């Protein structure tokens, strides 16, 4: 009789236990799987974004560098013009421009 009881227990586990385990596994792993798929999609979209936008971004950085250099040059000219004006107003000595190669335009 022990064999018949063991077979009944195994049949019960197969009929009830396996589907229960499958449902539990599905509900546990579904959010995890969803997050993994989203992460993979984000990685692939960011990778393709980097590949397609790289020349455009390099151009934008180049333009920003040019603007920064232009602004620095203009600030230096304004500082030099202010020094020149203060020298003229003080009347102590004749002011001179330190950068005669650059125009004040």
PDB file of N, CA and C in Angstrom:
ATOM      1  N   UNK A   1       0.790  -1.185   0.000  1.00  0.00           N
ATOM      2  CA  UNK A   1       0.000   0.000   0.000  1.00  0.00           C
ATOM      3  C   UNK A   1       0.845   1.267   0.000  1.00  0.00           C
ATOM      4  N   UNK A   2       2.044   1.199   0.423  1.00  0.00           N
ATOM      5  CA  UNK A   2       2.898   2.375   0.455  1.00  0.00           C
ATOM      6  C   UNK A   2       3.165   2.873  -0.961  1.00  0.00           C
ATOM      7  N   UNK A   3       3.280   1.930  -1.889  1.00  0.00           N
ATOM      8  CA  UNK A   3       3.530   2.322  -3.276  1.00  0.00           C
ATOM      9  C   UNK A   3       2.329   3.066  -3.848  1.00  0.00           C
ATOM     10  N   UNK A   4       1.125   2.592  -3.545  1.00  0.00           N
ATOM     11  CA  UNK A   4      -0.081   3.260  -4.042  1.00  0.00           C
ATOM     12  C   UNK A   4      -0.214   4.662  -3.452  1.00  0.00           C
ATOM     13  N   UNK A   5       0.148   4.821  -2.192  1.00  0.00           N
ATOM     14  CA  UNK A   5       0.078   6.145  -1.572  1.00  0.00           C
ATOM     15  C   UNK A   5       1.115   7.087  -2.179  1.00  0.00           C
ATOM     16  N   UNK A   6       2.288   6.573  -2.463  1.00  0.00           N
ATOM     17  CA  UNK A   6       3.344   7.380  -3.092  1.00  0.00           C
ATOM     18  C   UNK A   6       2.926   7.809  -4.495  1.00  0.00           C
ATOM     19  N   UNK A   7       2.327   6.916  -5.247  1.00  0.00           N
ATOM     20  CA  UNK A   7       1.857   7.252  -6.607  1.00  0.00           C
ATOM     21  C   UNK A   7       0.750   8.302  -6.545  1.00  0.00           C
ATOM     22  N   UNK A   8      -0.124   8.201  -5.568  1.00  0.00           N
ATOM     23  CA  UNK A   8      -1.177   9.198  -5.404  1.00  0.00           C
ATOM     24  C   UNK A   8      -0.610  10.563  -5.068  1.00  0.00           C
ATOM     25  N   UNK A   9       0.406  10.583  -4.228  1.00  0.00           N
ATOM     26  CA  UNK A   9       1.057  11.848  -3.845  1.00  0.00           C
ATOM     27  C   UNK A   9       1.775  12.478  -5.037  1.00  0.00           C
ATOM     28  N   UNK A  10       2.446  11.660  -5.813  1.00  0.00           N
ATOM     29  CA  UNK A  10       3.134  12.160  -7.016  1.00  0.00           C
ATOM     30  C   UNK A  10       2.119  12.678  -8.029  1.00  0.00           C
ATOM     31  N   UNK A  11       1.020  11.974  -8.210  1.00  0.00           N
ATOM     32  CA  UNK A  11      -0.017  12.429  -9.135  1.00  0.00           C
ATOM     33  C   UNK A  11      -0.613  13.747  -8.662  1.00  0.00           C
ATOM     34  N   UNK A  12      -0.840  13.885  -7.367  1.00  0.00           N
ATOM     35  CA  UNK A  12      -1.383  15.124  -6.815  1.00  0.00           C
ATOM     36  C   UNK A  12      -0.417  16.284  -7.042  1.00  0.00           C
ATOM     37  N   UNK A  13       0.876  16.040  -6.830  1.00  0.00           N
ATOM     38  CA  UNK A  13       1.873  17.078  -7.079  1.00  0.00           C
ATOM     39  C   UNK A  13       1.912  17.474  -8.550  1.00  0.00           C
ATOM     40  N   UNK A  14       1.805  16.502  -9.428  1.00  0.00           N
ATOM     41  CA  UNK A  14       1.845  16.814 -10.853  1.00  0.00           C
ATOM     42  C   UNK A  14       0.594  17.562 -11.302  1.00  0.00           C
ATOM     43  N   UNK A  15      -0.548  17.191 -10.784  1.00  0.00           N
ATOM     44  CA  UNK A  15      -1.805  17.805 -11.205  1.00  0.00           C
ATOM     45  C   UNK A  15      -1.989  19.193 -10.600  1.00  0.00           C
ATOM     46  N   UNK A  16      -1.646  19.355  -9.343  1.00  0.00           N
ATOM     47  CA  UNK A  16      -1.897  20.623  -8.653  1.00  0.00           C
ATOM     48  C   UNK A  16      -0.617  21.438  -8.502  1.00  0.00           C
ATOM     49  N   UNK A  17       0.469  20.805  -8.160  1.00  0.00           N
ATOM     50  CA  UNK A  17       1.704  21.509  -7.829  1.00  0.00           C
ATOM     51  C   UNK A  17       2.376  22.174  -9.007  1.00  0.00           C
ATOM     52  N   UNK A  18       2.477  21.488 -10.125  1.00  0.00           N
ATOM     53  CA  UNK A  18       3.162  22.043 -11.295  1.00  0.00           C
ATOM     54  C   UNK A  18       2.442  23.275 -11.842  1.00  0.00           C
ATOM     55  N   UNK A  19       1.111  23.252 -12.051  1.00  0.00           N
ATOM     56  CA  UNK A  19       0.454  24.478 -12.509  1.00  0.00           C
ATOM     57  C   UNK A  19       0.554  25.619 -11.485  1.00  0.00           C
ATOM     58  N   UNK A  20       0.469  25.277 -10.192  1.00  0.00           N
ATOM     59  CA  UNK A  20       0.609  26.318  -9.161  1.00  0.00           C
ATOM     60  C   UNK A  20       1.998  26.936  -9.216  1.00  0.00           C
ATOM     61  N   UNK A  21       2.998  26.121  -9.356  1.00  0.00           N
ATOM     62  CA  UNK A  21       4.369  26.610  -9.461  1.00  0.00           C
ATOM     63  C   UNK A  21       4.557  27.454 -10.724  1.00  0.00           C
ATOM     64  N   UNK A  22       3.918  27.060 -11.813  1.00  0.00           N
ATOM     65  CA  UNK A  22       4.022  27.827 -13.057  1.00  0.00           C
ATOM     66  C   UNK A  22       3.389  29.211 -12.907  1.00  0.00           C
ATOM     67  N   UNK A  23       2.209  29.278 -12.314  1.00  0.00           N
ATOM     68  CA  UNK A  23       1.561  30.579 -12.105  1.00  0.00           C
ATOM     69  C   UNK A  23       2.386  31.464 -11.165  1.00  0.00           C
ATOM     70  N   UNK A  24       2.888  30.889 -10.093  1.00  0.00           N
ATOM     71  CA  UNK A  24       3.699  31.662  -9.151  1.00  0.00           C
ATOM     72  C   UNK A  24       4.955  32.199  -9.834  1.00  0.00           C
ATOM     73  N   UNK A  25       5.598  31.352 -10.602  1.00  0.00           N
ATOM     74  CA  UNK A  25       6.800  31.782 -11.318  1.00  0.00           C
ATOM     75  C   UNK A  25       6.487  32.884 -12.312  1.00  0.00           C
ATOM     76  N   UNK A  26       5.378  32.768 -13.024  1.00  0.00           N
ATOM     77  CA  UNK A  26       4.993  33.790 -13.998  1.00  0.00           C
ATOM     78  C   UNK A  26       4.775  35.130 -13.316  1.00  0.00           C
ATOM     79  N   UNK A  27       4.059  35.155 -12.198  1.00  0.00           N
ATOM     80  CA  UNK A  27       3.762  36.416 -11.525  1.00  0.00           C
ATOM     81  C   UNK A  27       4.984  36.996 -10.828  1.00  0.00           C
ATOM     82  N   UNK A  28       5.920  36.169 -10.455  1.00  0.00           N
ATOM     83  CA  UNK A  28       7.138  36.668  -9.822  1.00  0.00           C
ATOM     84  C   UNK A  28       8.100  37.217 -10.869  1.00  0.00           C
ATOM     85  N   UNK A  29       8.274  36.492 -11.958  1.00  0.00           N
ATOM     86  CA  UNK A  29       9.270  36.878 -12.946  1.00  0.00           C
ATOM     87  C   UNK A  29       8.766  37.861 -13.998  1.00  0.00           C
ATOM     88  N   UNK A  30       7.474  38.059 -14.113  1.00  0.00           N
ATOM     89  CA  UNK A  30       6.964  38.966 -15.134  1.00  0.00           C
ATOM     90  C   UNK A  30       7.465  40.401 -14.938  1.00  0.00           C
ATOM     91  N   UNK A  31       7.384  41.006 -13.744  1.00  0.00           N
ATOM     92  CA  UNK A  31       7.929  42.361 -13.587  1.00  0.00           C
ATOM     93  C   UNK A  31       9.430  42.429 -13.814  1.00  0.00           C
ATOM     94  N   UNK A  32      10.132  41.419 -13.363  1.00  0.00           N
ATOM     95  CA  UNK A  32      11.580  41.386 -13.566  1.00  0.00           C
ATOM     96  C   UNK A  32      11.915  41.312 -15.047  1.00  0.00           C
ATOM     97  N   UNK A  33      11.239  40.453 -15.763  1.00  0.00           N
ATOM     98  CA  UNK A  33      11.463  40.321 -17.195  1.00  0.00           C
ATOM     99  C   UNK A  33      11.105  41.615 -17.916  1.00  0.00           C
ATOM    100  N   UNK A  34      10.028  42.255 -17.496  1.00  0.00           N
ATOM    101  CA  UNK A  34       9.607  43.519 -18.101  1.00  0.00           C
ATOM    102  C   UNK A  34      10.693  44.590 -17.913  1.00  0.00           C
ATOM    103  N   UNK A  35      11.278  44.682 -16.725  1.00  0.00           N
ATOM    104  CA  UNK A  35      12.333  45.652 -16.473  1.00  0.00           C
ATOM    105  C   UNK A  35      13.584  45.352 -17.281  1.00  0.00           C
ATOM    106  N   UNK A  36      13.911  44.086 -17.425  1.00  0.00           N
ATOM    107  CA  UNK A  36      15.091  43.715 -18.211  1.00  0.00           C
ATOM    108  C   UNK A  36      14.891  44.090 -19.676  1.00  0.00           C
ATOM    109  N   UNK A  37      13.704  43.834 -20.206  1.00  0.00           N
ATOM    110  CA  UNK A  37      13.416  44.183 -21.604  1.00  0.00           C
ATOM    111  C   UNK A  37      13.473  45.688 -21.800  1.00  0.00           C
ATOM    112  N   UNK A  38      12.925  46.454 -20.861  1.00  0.00           N
ATOM    113  CA  UNK A  38      12.988  47.918 -20.959  1.00  0.00           C
ATOM    114  C   UNK A  38      14.426  48.414 -20.925  1.00  0.00           C
ATOM    115  N   UNK A  39      15.241  47.843 -20.056  1.00  0.00           N
ATOM    116  CA  UNK A  39      16.641  48.247 -19.966  1.00  0.00           C
ATOM    117  C   UNK A  39      17.383  47.946 -21.261  1.00  0.00           C
ATOM    118  N   UNK A  40      17.117  46.800 -21.846  1.00  0.00           N
ATOM    119  CA  UNK A  40      17.756  46.447 -23.117  1.00  0.00           C
ATOM    120  C   UNK A  40      17.311  47.401 -24.215  1.00  0.00           C
ATOM    121  N   UNK A  41      16.025  47.744 -24.246  1.00  0.00           N
ATOM    122  CA  UNK A  41      15.533  48.688 -25.246  1.00  0.00           C
ATOM    123  C   UNK A  41      16.161  50.065 -25.071  1.00  0.00           C
ATOM    124  N   UNK A  42      16.299  50.506 -23.833  1.00  0.00           N
ATOM    125  CA  UNK A  42      16.927  51.812 -23.595  1.00  0.00           C
ATOM    126  C   UNK A  42      18.376  51.805 -24.024  1.00  0.00           C
ATOM    127  N   UNK A  43      19.077  50.720 -23.730  1.00  0.00           N
ATOM    128  CA  UNK A  43      20.475  50.635 -24.132  1.00  0.00           C
ATOM    129  C   UNK A  43      20.617  50.661 -25.647  1.00  0.00           C
ATOM    130  N   UNK A  44      19.782  49.918 -26.325  1.00  0.00           N
ATOM    131  CA  UNK A  44      19.898  49.875 -27.784  1.00  0.00           C
ATOM    132  C   UNK A  44      19.488  51.201 -28.396  1.00  0.00           C
ATOM    133  N   UNK A  45      18.474  51.873 -27.832  1.00  0.00           N
ATOM    134  CA  UNK A  45      18.071  53.163 -28.388  1.00  0.00           C
ATOM    135  C   UNK A  45      19.108  54.231 -28.097  1.00  0.00           C
ATOM    136  N   UNK A  46      19.733  54.193 -26.918  1.00  0.00           N
ATOM    137  CA  UNK A  46      20.770  55.178 -26.619  1.00  0.00           C
ATOM    138  C   UNK A  46      22.014  54.923 -27.456  1.00  0.00           C
ATOM    139  N   UNK A  47      22.307  53.678 -27.727  1.00  0.00           N
ATOM    140  CA  UNK A  47      23.457  53.359 -28.564  1.00  0.00           C
ATOM    141  C   UNK A  47      23.228  53.854 -29.988  1.00  0.00           C
ATOM    142  N   UNK A  48      22.041  53.655 -30.523  1.00  0.00           N
ATOM    143  CA  UNK A  48      21.761  54.132 -31.875  1.00  0.00           C
ATOM    144  C   UNK A  48      21.689  55.648 -31.894  1.00  0.00           C
ATOM    145  N   UNK A  49      21.228  56.264 -30.798  1.00  0.00           N
ATOM    146  CA  UNK A  49      21.196  57.719 -30.708  1.00  0.00           C
ATOM    147  C   UNK A  49      22.604  58.275 -30.741  1.00  0.00           C
ATOM    148  N   UNK A  50      23.527  57.621 -30.045  1.00  0.00           N
ATOM    149  CA  UNK A  50      24.909  58.083 -30.042  1.00  0.00           C
ATOM    150  C   UNK A  50      25.506  57.998 -31.435  1.00  0.00           C
ATOM    151  N   UNK A  51      25.216  56.934 -32.138  1.00  0.00           N
ATOM    152  CA  UNK A  51      25.783  56.759 -33.467  1.00  0.00           C
ATOM    153  C   UNK A  51      25.241  57.775 -34.453  1.00  0.00           C
ATOM    154  N   UNK A  52      23.948  58.078 -34.386  1.00  0.00           N
ATOM    155  CA  UNK A  52      23.370  58.965 -35.382  1.00  0.00           C
ATOM    156  C   UNK A  52      23.592  60.432 -35.057  1.00  0.00           C
ATOM    157  N   UNK A  53      23.684  60.795 -33.789  1.00  0.00           N
ATOM    158  CA  UNK A  53      23.787  62.197 -33.419  1.00  0.00           C
ATOM    159  C   UNK A  53      25.217  62.662 -33.165  1.00  0.00           C
ATOM    160  N   UNK A  54      26.179  61.796 -33.270  1.00  0.00           N
ATOM    161  CA  UNK A  54      27.558  62.165 -32.965  1.00  0.00           C
ATOM    162  C   UNK A  54      28.065  63.312 -33.846  1.00  0.00           C
ATOM    163  N   UNK A  55      27.898  63.290 -35.173  1.00  0.00           N
ATOM    164  CA  UNK A  55      28.387  64.413 -35.982  1.00  0.00           C
ATOM    165  C   UNK A  55      27.675  65.727 -35.643  1.00  0.00           C
ATOM    166  N   UNK A  56      26.377  65.638 -35.398  1.00  0.00           N
ATOM    167  CA  UNK A  56      25.636  66.852 -35.049  1.00  0.00           C
ATOM    168  C   UNK A  56      26.122  67.425 -33.724  1.00  0.00           C
ATOM    169  N   UNK A  57      26.356  66.553 -32.752  1.00  0.00           N
ATOM    170  CA  UNK A  57      26.835  67.016 -31.449  1.00  0.00           C
ATOM    171  C   UNK A  57      28.245  67.588 -31.537  1.00  0.00           C
ATOM    172  N   UNK A  58      29.082  66.981 -32.353  1.00  0.00           N
ATOM    173  CA  UNK A  58      30.427  67.522 -32.543  1.00  0.00           C
ATOM    174  C   UNK A  58      30.370  68.909 -33.169  1.00  0.00           C
ATOM    175  N   UNK A  59      29.481  69.100 -34.126  1.00  0.00           N
ATOM    176  CA  UNK A  59      29.321  70.412 -34.741  1.00  0.00           C
ATOM    177  C   UNK A  59      28.834  71.449 -33.736  1.00  0.00           C
ATOM    178  N   UNK A  60      27.906  71.048 -32.889  1.00  0.00           N
ATOM    179  CA  UNK A  60      27.404  71.976 -31.870  1.00  0.00           C
ATOM    180  C   UNK A  60      28.501  72.355 -30.879  1.00  0.00           C
ATOM    181  N   UNK A  61      29.319  71.389 -30.492  1.00  0.00           N
ATOM    182  CA  UNK A  61      30.419  71.679 -29.568  1.00  0.00           C
ATOM    183  C   UNK A  61      31.422  72.616 -30.234  1.00  0.00           C
ATOM    184  N   UNK A  62      31.717  72.394 -31.505  1.00  0.00           N
ATOM    185  CA  UNK A  62      32.630  73.279 -32.230  1.00  0.00           C
ATOM    186  C   UNK A  62      32.096  74.703 -32.279  1.00  0.00           C
ATOM    187  N   UNK A  63      30.792  74.849 -32.559  1.00  0.00           N
ATOM    188  CA  UNK A  63      30.203  76.197 -32.592  1.00  0.00           C
ATOM    189  C   UNK A  63      30.249  76.858 -31.222  1.00  0.00           C
ATOM    190  N   UNK A  64      30.001  76.087 -30.175  1.00  0.00           N
ATOM    191  CA  UNK A  64      30.076  76.638 -28.820  1.00  0.00           C
ATOM    192  C   UNK A  64      31.500  77.076 -28.472  1.00  0.00           C
ATOM    193  N   UNK A  65      32.489  76.294 -28.885  1.00  0.00           N
ATOM    194  CA  UNK A  65      33.880  76.678 -28.643  1.00  0.00           C
ATOM    195  C   UNK A  65      34.222  77.959 -29.378  1.00  0.00           C
ATOM    196  N   UNK A  66      33.768  78.091 -30.620  1.00  0.00           N
ATOM    197  CA  UNK A  66      34.015  79.316 -31.382  1.00  0.00           C
ATOM    198  C   UNK A  66      33.353  80.518 -30.718  1.00  0.00           C
ATOM    199  N   UNK A  67      32.112  80.345 -30.254  1.00  0.00           N
ATOM    200  CA  UNK A  67      31.430  81.441 -29.562  1.00  0.00           C
ATOM    201  C   UNK A  67      32.157  81.831 -28.282  1.00  0.00           C
ATOM    202  N   UNK A  68      32.656  80.854 -27.557  1.00  0.00           N
ATOM    203  CA  UNK A  68      33.373  81.132 -26.323  1.00  0.00           C
ATOM    204  C   UNK A  68      34.654  81.901 -26.607  1.00  0.00           C
ATOM    205  N   UNK A  69      35.387  81.494 -27.633  1.00  0.00           N
ATOM    206  CA  UNK A  69      36.610  82.210 -27.996  1.00  0.00           C
ATOM    207  C   UNK A  69      36.308  83.628 -28.447  1.00  0.00           C
ATOM    208  N   UNK A  70      35.237  83.798 -29.198  1.00  0.00           N
ATOM    209  CA  UNK A  70      34.841  85.131 -29.650  1.00  0.00           C
ATOM    210  C   UNK A  70      34.473  86.012 -28.464  1.00  0.00           C
ATOM    211  N   UNK A  71      33.711  85.461 -27.531  1.00  0.00           N
ATOM    212  CA  UNK A  71      33.331  86.241 -26.356  1.00  0.00           C
ATOM    213  C   UNK A  71      34.543  86.604 -25.514  1.00  0.00           C
ATOM    214  N   UNK A  72      35.470  85.675 -25.343  1.00  0.00           N
ATOM    215  CA  UNK A  72      36.692  85.982 -24.592  1.00  0.00           C
ATOM    216  C   UNK A  72      37.483  87.092 -25.263  1.00  0.00           C
ATOM    217  N   UNK A  73      37.577  87.047 -26.575  1.00  0.00           N
ATOM    218  CA  UNK A  73      38.288  88.086 -27.322  1.00  0.00           C
ATOM    219  C   UNK A  73      37.588  89.432 -27.165  1.00  0.00           C
ATOM    220  N   UNK A  74      36.266  89.442 -27.230  1.00  0.00           N
ATOM    221  CA  UNK A  74      35.529  90.691 -27.060  1.00  0.00           C
ATOM    222  C   UNK A  74      35.688  91.244 -25.655  1.00  0.00           C
ATOM    223  N   UNK A  75      35.700  90.388 -24.658  1.00  0.00           N
ATOM    224  CA  UNK A  75      35.894  90.833 -23.278  1.00  0.00           C
ATOM    225  C   UNK A  75      37.279  91.433 -23.110  1.00  0.00           C
ATOM    226  N   UNK A  76      38.280  90.794 -23.695  1.00  0.00           N
ATOM    227  CA  UNK A  76      39.638  91.346 -23.621  1.00  0.00           C
ATOM    228  C   UNK A  76      39.702  92.717 -24.284  1.00  0.00           C
ATOM    229  N   UNK A  77      39.034  92.881 -25.416  1.00  0.00           N
ATOM    230  CA  UNK A  77      39.015  94.186 -26.090  1.00  0.00           C
ATOM    231  C   UNK A  77      38.325  95.242 -25.236  1.00  0.00           C
ATOM    232  N   UNK A  78      37.215  94.854 -24.599  1.00  0.00           N
ATOM    233  CA  UNK A  78      36.513  95.809 -23.736  1.00  0.00           C
ATOM    234  C   UNK A  78      37.371  96.215 -22.536  1.00  0.00           C
ATOM    235  N   UNK A  79      38.079  95.273 -21.955  1.00  0.00           N
ATOM    236  CA  UNK A  79      38.962  95.589 -20.829  1.00  0.00           C
ATOM    237  C   UNK A  79      40.064  96.545 -21.272  1.00  0.00           C
ATOM    238  N   UNK A  80      40.652  96.271 -22.420  1.00  0.00           N
ATOM    239  CA  UNK A  80      41.719  97.132 -22.942  1.00  0.00           C
ATOM    240  C   UNK A  80      41.180  98.526 -23.281  1.00  0.00           C
ATOM    241  N   UNK A  81      39.988  98.585 -23.839  1.00  0.00           N
ATOM    242  CA  UNK A  81      39.389  99.894 -24.145  1.00  0.00           C
ATOM    243  C   UNK A  81      39.104 100.673 -22.864  1.00  0.00           C
ATOM    244  N   UNK A  82      38.659  99.983 -21.824  1.00  0.00           N
ATOM    245  CA  UNK A  82      38.397 100.650 -20.544  1.00  0.00           C
ATOM    246  C   UNK A  82      39.696 101.167 -19.931  1.00  0.00           C
ATOM    247  N   UNK A  83      40.763 100.384 -20.008  1.00  0.00           N
ATOM    248  CA  UNK A  83      42.070 100.850 -19.527  1.00  0.00           C
ATOM    249  C   UNK A  83      42.525 102.087 -20.299  1.00  0.00           C
ATOM    250  N   UNK A  84      42.341 102.058 -21.598  1.00  0.00           N
ATOM    251  CA  UNK A  84      42.717 103.188 -22.436  1.00  0.00           C
ATOM    252  C   UNK A  84      41.916 104.426 -22.054  1.00  0.00           C
ATOM    253  N   UNK A  85      40.598 104.254 -21.852  1.00  0.00           N
ATOM    254  CA  UNK A  85      39.750 105.391 -21.485  1.00  0.00           C
ATOM    255  C   UNK A  85      40.165 105.962 -20.132  1.00  0.00           C
ATOM    256  N   UNK A  86      40.436 105.089 -19.171  1.00  0.00           N
ATOM    257  CA  UNK A  86      40.857 105.557 -17.850  1.00  0.00           C
ATOM    258  C   UNK A  86      42.200 106.282 -17.929  1.00  0.00           C
ATOM    259  N   UNK A  87      43.079 105.774 -18.788  1.00  0.00           N
ATOM    260  CA  UNK A  87      44.362 106.450 -18.978  1.00  0.00           C
ATOM    261  C   UNK A  87      44.188 107.834 -19.572  1.00  0.00           C
ATOM    262  N   UNK A  88      43.265 107.982 -20.517  1.00  0.00           N
ATOM    263  CA  UNK A  88      42.993 109.292 -21.106  1.00  0.00           C
ATOM    264  C   UNK A  88      42.394 110.247 -20.080  1.00  0.00           C
ATOM    265  N   UNK A  89      41.487 109.735 -19.265  1.00  0.00           N
ATOM    266  CA  UNK A  89      40.837 110.588 -18.274  1.00  0.00           C
ATOM    267  C   UNK A  89      41.791 110.996 -17.151  1.00  0.00           C
ATOM    268  N   UNK A  90      42.703 110.126 -16.797  1.00  0.00           N
ATOM    269  CA  UNK A  90      43.627 110.467 -15.713  1.00  0.00           C
ATOM    270  C   UNK A  90      44.619 111.526 -16.153  1.00  0.00           C
ATOM    271  N   UNK A  91      45.035 111.513 -17.397  1.00  0.00           N
ATOM    272  CA  UNK A  91      45.947 112.510 -17.935  1.00  0.00           C
ATOM    273  C   UNK A  91      47.368 112.365 -17.448  1.00  0.00           C
ATOM    274  N   UNK A  92      47.676 111.344 -16.707  1.00  0.00           N
ATOM    275  CA  UNK A  92      49.040 111.182 -16.191  1.00  0.00           C
ATOM    276  C   UNK A  92      50.024 110.918 -17.324  1.00  0.00           C
ATOM    277  N   UNK A  93      49.760 109.896 -18.089  1.00  0.00           N
ATOM    278  CA  UNK A  93      50.642 109.553 -19.207  1.00  0.00           C
ATOM    279  C   UNK A  93      49.774 109.284 -20.422  1.00  0.00           C
ATOM    280  N   UNK A  94      50.409 109.233 -21.525  1.00  0.00           N
ATOM    281  CA  UNK A  94      49.685 108.925 -22.752  1.00  0.00           C
ATOM    282  C   UNK A  94      49.460 107.413 -22.765  1.00  0.00           C
ATOM    283  N   UNK A  95      48.204 106.985 -22.766  1.00  0.00           N
ATOM    284  CA  UNK A  95      47.943 105.546 -22.765  1.00  0.00           C
ATOM    285  C   UNK A  95      48.286 104.927 -24.109  1.00  0.00           C
ATOM    286  N   UNK A  96      48.671 103.693 -24.068  1.00  0.00           N
ATOM    287  CA  UNK A  96      48.944 102.978 -25.310  1.00  0.00           C
ATOM    288  C   UNK A  96      48.185 101.664 -25.287  1.00  0.00           C
ATOM    289  N   UNK A  97      47.810 101.235 -26.439  1.00  0.00           N
ATOM    290  CA  UNK A  97      47.137  99.945 -26.547  1.00  0.00           C
ATOM    291  C   UNK A  97      48.189  98.856 -26.518  1.00  0.00           C
ATOM    292  N   UNK A  98      47.939  97.831 -25.742  1.00  0.00           N
ATOM    293  CA  UNK A  98      48.931  96.760 -25.624  1.00  0.00           C
ATOM    294  C   UNK A  98      48.864  95.789 -26.783  1.00  0.00           C
ATOM    295  N   UNK A  99      47.752  95.800 -27.520  1.00  0.00           N
ATOM    296  CA  UNK A  99      47.600  94.883 -28.644  1.00  0.00           C
ATOM    297  C   UNK A  99      47.340  95.676 -29.918  1.00  0.00           C
ATOM    298  N   UNK A 100      48.363  96.258 -30.514  1.00  0.00           N
ATOM    299  CA  UNK A 100      48.135  97.065 -31.714  1.00  0.00           C
ATOM    300  C   UNK A 100      47.761  96.223 -32.925  1.00  0.00           C
ATOM    301  N   UNK A 101      47.988  94.935 -32.887  1.00  0.00           N
ATOM    302  CA  UNK A 101      47.659  94.083 -34.038  1.00  0.00           C
ATOM    303  C   UNK A 101      46.175  93.799 -34.128  1.00  0.00           C
ATOM    304  N   UNK A 102      45.429  94.014 -33.049  1.00  0.00           N
ATOM    305  CA  UNK A 102      43.978  93.756 -33.063  1.00  0.00           C
ATOM    306  C   UNK A 102      43.249  95.078 -33.206  1.00  0.00           C
ATOM    307  N   UNK A 103      42.198  95.101 -34.026  1.00  0.00           N
ATOM    308  CA  UNK A 103      41.394  96.308 -34.154  1.00  0.00           C
ATOM    309  C   UNK A 103      40.322  96.312 -33.074  1.00  0.00           C
ATOM    310  N   UNK A 104      39.795  97.467 -32.719  1.00  0.00           N
ATOM    311  CA  UNK A 104      38.812  97.603 -31.637  1.00  0.00           C
ATOM    312  C   UNK A 104      37.377  97.491 -32.119  1.00  0.00           C
ATOM    313  N   UNK A 105      37.158  96.999 -33.296  1.00  0.00           N
ATOM    314  CA  UNK A 105      35.785  96.905 -33.809  1.00  0.00           C
ATOM    315  C   UNK A 105      35.001  95.847 -33.143  1.00  0.00           C
TER     316      UNK A 105
END
